[in-house]
Amino acid sequence: MTFRNSKFPCKSALITVCLLESFAALGTAVLTIVAMPHFNILSNTMILNSVCFFPSILQIIQHIRNPNWKMSPSVLSILFTTLGFILFGVGYYVDLLWSSIGSSKMSTNISIAVVAVCLVSINWWENFANFSQNGFFRSLEKNLAESNNTMYMCSSVIRILVTGVVVGSSVPIMGENWSKITSASWDEVTLAMSLFAIQALSSALCHWFGVVACKMHSLKCSFAFPMLCTTLTVISTFMTVFVLHYKEAEARSGDVRTFDLPTFCHNLNVQPDENPSKAQQLIVEISHNICNTTVVGPQYLSGFALLGVSGLCWWAGLLLSTCYVWRLKLQRIERTTTLFVRRLYEAAFMDQSMLLNIKFQDFKRQDSEIETCTTEHVKIYLCATMWHETFDEMLKIITSMFRLDKYRPRHGVSNKEKFDFEAHIYFDDAFLKETEELKERRVNSYVECLATAIEEVHRVFTYNKETQLASNLDSDASTLRTRFTVTPYGGQLQYTLPNGNFLYVHLKDKDRIRHKKRWSQIMYLYYLLGWKLYRKYECSAAGQGTESPETLRQNLKKEAQNTYILALDGDTDFYPSSLLLLVDRLRMYPHVGAACGRIHPTGIGPMVWYQKFEYAVAHWLQKSSEHVLGCVLCSPGCFSLFRAAALMDDNVLKMYTMKATEASHFVQYDQGEDRWLCTLLLQQGWRVEYNAASDAFTNAPQEFKEFFNQRRRWTPSTMANTLDLLNRGRQTAKKNPSISSPFILYQIVTMGSSILSPATVCLLIAGALSFVLQWNGNLTILLAIIPPALYLLLCFVGKPDTQITVAAYMGIGYAFLMTATFLSIIGDMVQAQTFMTPTGLFLIFMSLLYLVTAMLHPKEFHLLIYGLLYIICVPSGYLLLTIYSMANLHVVSWGTRETSTQIEEKKEEQDESKSHVRYQKKCQCLCWDIEMQVHDNNYKMMPRTKKPLIVLLEDAAPQTSQETEAAILRENHIQSKESWIGQLIQKSRCRVFQEENLPDDEMEFWKSLIRNYLEPIKEDKATQERIQSDLKSLRNKTTFIYFMMNLLWIGATFFLQLIGPSIHIKLPKMYSNGTLSTTEHLSVEPIGFMFLLSFATLLLLQFLALLYHRVYTFIHFVAYQGTAGQRNNLVRRSR
């Protein structure tokens, strides 16, 4: 998996890297194994700061190329580092004059240390390659980027070999004997391995927390400052321990005047403490190590002074060499490969390695790149599909769009925070059907509600608290400008939002263009990506501009990478922060094709409460585990961000336009279009991610019938797309690096447990009946499967409404049985006098898992209350609903938000008979047939009449030219064929209207698109009968296979119970106090035991994935809070 997309490096690059890595490894091994044992811990701690020597030289080389080059910190860094080496050597040389140790031996050790430090500093040579203009280093850098995983593996092997050679050579050179090393006691080996484990673990944690600090955008206070203070803190700690130990020994001596440092060090060697504790041993070892150096002599003060000054010089050199870190400009949750030179770290000098591993930045070059990058902005298209949403649901999505319009980023934040957006609403079946009575084209009442909702939300967002509403009505800021356009697919409305962004409403006439959600998505994908994006570069190429075709292709590719589609439902409610968190995922990882957030169902009632917990568990465990173990399989269409480049890829958008011609196509393509689109993205190699911090709210079905119809679509579609993905698992795994064989195995296990859920529920109910009624287990199994079997038969012969009604009554009965089941498990534990039964352990495990999972989501912890309702409704959700979905697989209607034509026409008449206007201070007198309208300075009694509003406006004598133009525009369209424009103007309170004609080229585009992909489907009766027959045949086959698998599972359990306890698994019985029974055992059926074990293992795996996902969600959330744009005071409507 790691090396699947990593190429093998070329020979020259491999030789160069291995050679440089061998030098760096040689320096590290020689410094730590050969040289440092001859110095004390203070010298060893300070000399590590000198590894910045070679990086400083590389920085100077980079600065020299700058024509305005001046004295840089890199020069001072080299001077301070060199001065530190000189003082270090002089200090030891001066002290050697008073020491009995040979000066040649110590000089050799110092020379070895200096050379080793220079070799170690080669570690970060890649910083030079990043800025080198040399062709060889440029090709080397490119080769490293393409084969980094393979290259790091080779360099690791080289480092291990070099370190082994140095260790093997140093033993005889230093006069040691291998037999002494191999004959070490077990305590010594244990101590050495413990120190190694502590050092390895602490280094790994230090590296991880350093990366996290950078991703959290806390580079200065949480990364650079602690790393620079590490050496000072360690030395201060050592010296504090040494001084305290010295003072304690001085107090014990009783002679303060004659007690000095040489005496203290001498006493450590000749008067060791008896039976010291571990802490005392550590303190004595620190003091002994500091004393066991040549600087402790008659002039130890000068030796310590020289050592201290050399340490300060090295520290200053490191500070100056890494001062660019303090000026570094980071993006939110910056990628590790973008921030650091190497993925590896040097555990021997952790703090210096982390600082020097930050990529060196040429800030003049960086500023120019940022200025250039301002033209490469992010473009986001908000695309919502509507059909029969209610007025309140429309208010949610419109308010969300106005919030985004009002959002403003903070000054000085990263350029990646800024974006442009357009909002588009695609309204299905927006026009009333023309009849003999209605020969003009008019929009339905839902479109009128949408227009009213837009005007009301606009009024709220332009409300000025300081000037009051009445004095703000006529201002330009509060004027909603509307443009009407007649299009080949119906019509288009364009609104100008208060902050200059645009909202387009596309009204679809199902007699002119194909309706339903998938075709609306195809409509806006081809329009936004084909017409608006691709055509721009196509026209540039046809115009024969100054740019070459290759440059245009690169620009198109870049813009496609930075163009996103936010797919929305007509009732979605979200905030700008949720969108920006999704944008971060796509900006950070170019291979991410889509990202989704946490969907919260809204509404009231038991059905909504059930779905709240169901959604929570699905996101907590399933979505998180998919994101961590592989990638998310479905990005919900109510709130998902798609990359344009991914949608425009081969076999994605073109495949998405396929018309369903087979029975399986209707299930996979039209019943769950968002899941099928994600399946196409995954099969093409793109990744889909989940961000738990990005919240969106959508209405959930509140009625039992609506809920069942919704899940009737979702269940078969989920199964069809998952099976399609598993069927092509090998090909997908080769193309998609996020999908591996273990992940496919995980999905197979998940799919298997989902398929067997009806049988599992039946066995659970059988166990409850057996315990409560004390009946034979085989009898209870037969009784448990009779009601589902009868309901399955009813679903084949009964009407859908009858099926749902029976399911509702059966669900109530099953709720009582589930309550009995829950109590039976507890009773079983009480009767067995132990909770160490399989079912008892499983219940406790599930309870603890959900409790801890909810605690990891503090804002959603209250959802545990709905968990009780969810548990007792398990038979309805996993047995009855499954039967209903599979038995009605041939029904391909939408099932939700469906209303009859008669009801809609009746509602239209009711809406025309009354005129209610919000936020305009109107009131209707109930005792007279008149309406009182209050304006700023104009009070007028207007008779209630059904004549067009143009007459009312004329009677009211419009005072502005805008009102006069609006009146004329209304009058022109009242009697025209396109009377829907006049209809909407008549219903509107806007004062600025404009009618536009669609450009000829865009008109031709729409006609071509409709002709090729979106022409209304006209099927004859024979075709419909054939499709319905094929769907029923598919239903019969699928239902037979599905429930046969469940029946085999139940049958296996039944026959194993008939065989008796001879084949049962016997487990030792453990009492509550932890003691084991020597005479009693617990008998468990092998199939039931394996199922519980596999299911528990699956949940544990999901929980571990959840922990990993929560950590990185927290990192992203903190990073966003620190860098988010300044929010204006948004008008938030209480949910």
Foldseek 3Di string as FASTA:
>chain_A
DLCLQFDDFDPVLLVVLLVLLLLLLLLVLCQVPPQVVQAFPLLLLLLLLLLCQVLLVLVVVVQVVDPPRDDALSVLLNVLSVVLLVLLLVLQVVLVVVDPDDPVVNVVSSVSNVSSSPSNSSPLVLLNLVPDPDPVSVVSNVSCVRRVVVSVVSSVVSSVVSSVVSVVVVQVVVPHDVVVVVPDDPVVVVVVVVVVVVLVVVLVVLVVQLLLCVLLVNQPPRALVCLLCVSVVVSVVLVVLLVVVLVVVCVVVVDNVPDDLVNVLVCLVVPPDDPDDPVVVVSSVSNNSNCPHSCPDPPVVSSVVSSVSSSVSSSSSLCSSLVVSVVDAADNSADPVQFFVDPDFDSSSRSSRSSSRGRDDDVVVVVVVQVVCLVLAFEEEEEAEEEQDDLLLLLQVLQQVLQVLQFDFAPPFGSNQDHAYAYEYEYFQQWFDADPVRLFTAGFVVVLSNQQSNLVSLLVFQADPVVGSQVCCPDPLSFWFWAWEQAQQGIKIWTQHSNGHIYIYHYGNLQRWPDDDLRSVLVVLCCCCVVVQVVVLVVVVVVPDPDDPVVSVVVSVSSLLRYKYWFAYSRKHFHVVLVVLQSVVSVNDVLAFKEAEQEAADDDDLVNLLVRLVSVCCVLFVQLLCQQQFAGQFHDRRTMMGRRCLCPDPQQSVVLLDDDQFLLCLLQNRLGPRNNNSLSSLQQAGGYHYFHVNYMYGHDDRDLQLNLLNVLNVVSNVVSSLVVCLVCVVSSVSRHVRRDPVNSVLSVLVVVCLLLLQLVLLLLLLLLCCQVVVDDSLVSSVVSVVVLVVLLVCLQPDDSVVSSVVLVVVLVVLLVSLVSSVVSLVVVCVVLQHLPDLSSVLVVLVVVLVQVSLVLVVVCVVSVVSVSVNRSSSCSVRRSSVSNSLSVQLDSDSSPSDDDSVVSVVVRVVPLVDADRPPQPWDQDPVDQWTWGDHSPDTDIDGDDSPFCLVVCVVVPDDDPLQVVLSVVLVVLCPDSNVNVNVSSRNDPRRHYHYDYDDPVVSVVVVVCSVPRIPNDDDDPVSVVVSSVSNNVVSVVVVCVSVVVNVVLSVVVSVLVVVPQPPWDWAWDAHPVGDTDPPDTDTHHPSVSVVSVSVSVSSVSSSVSSVVSSVVSVSSVSSCVVRGGDRDPRDDDDD
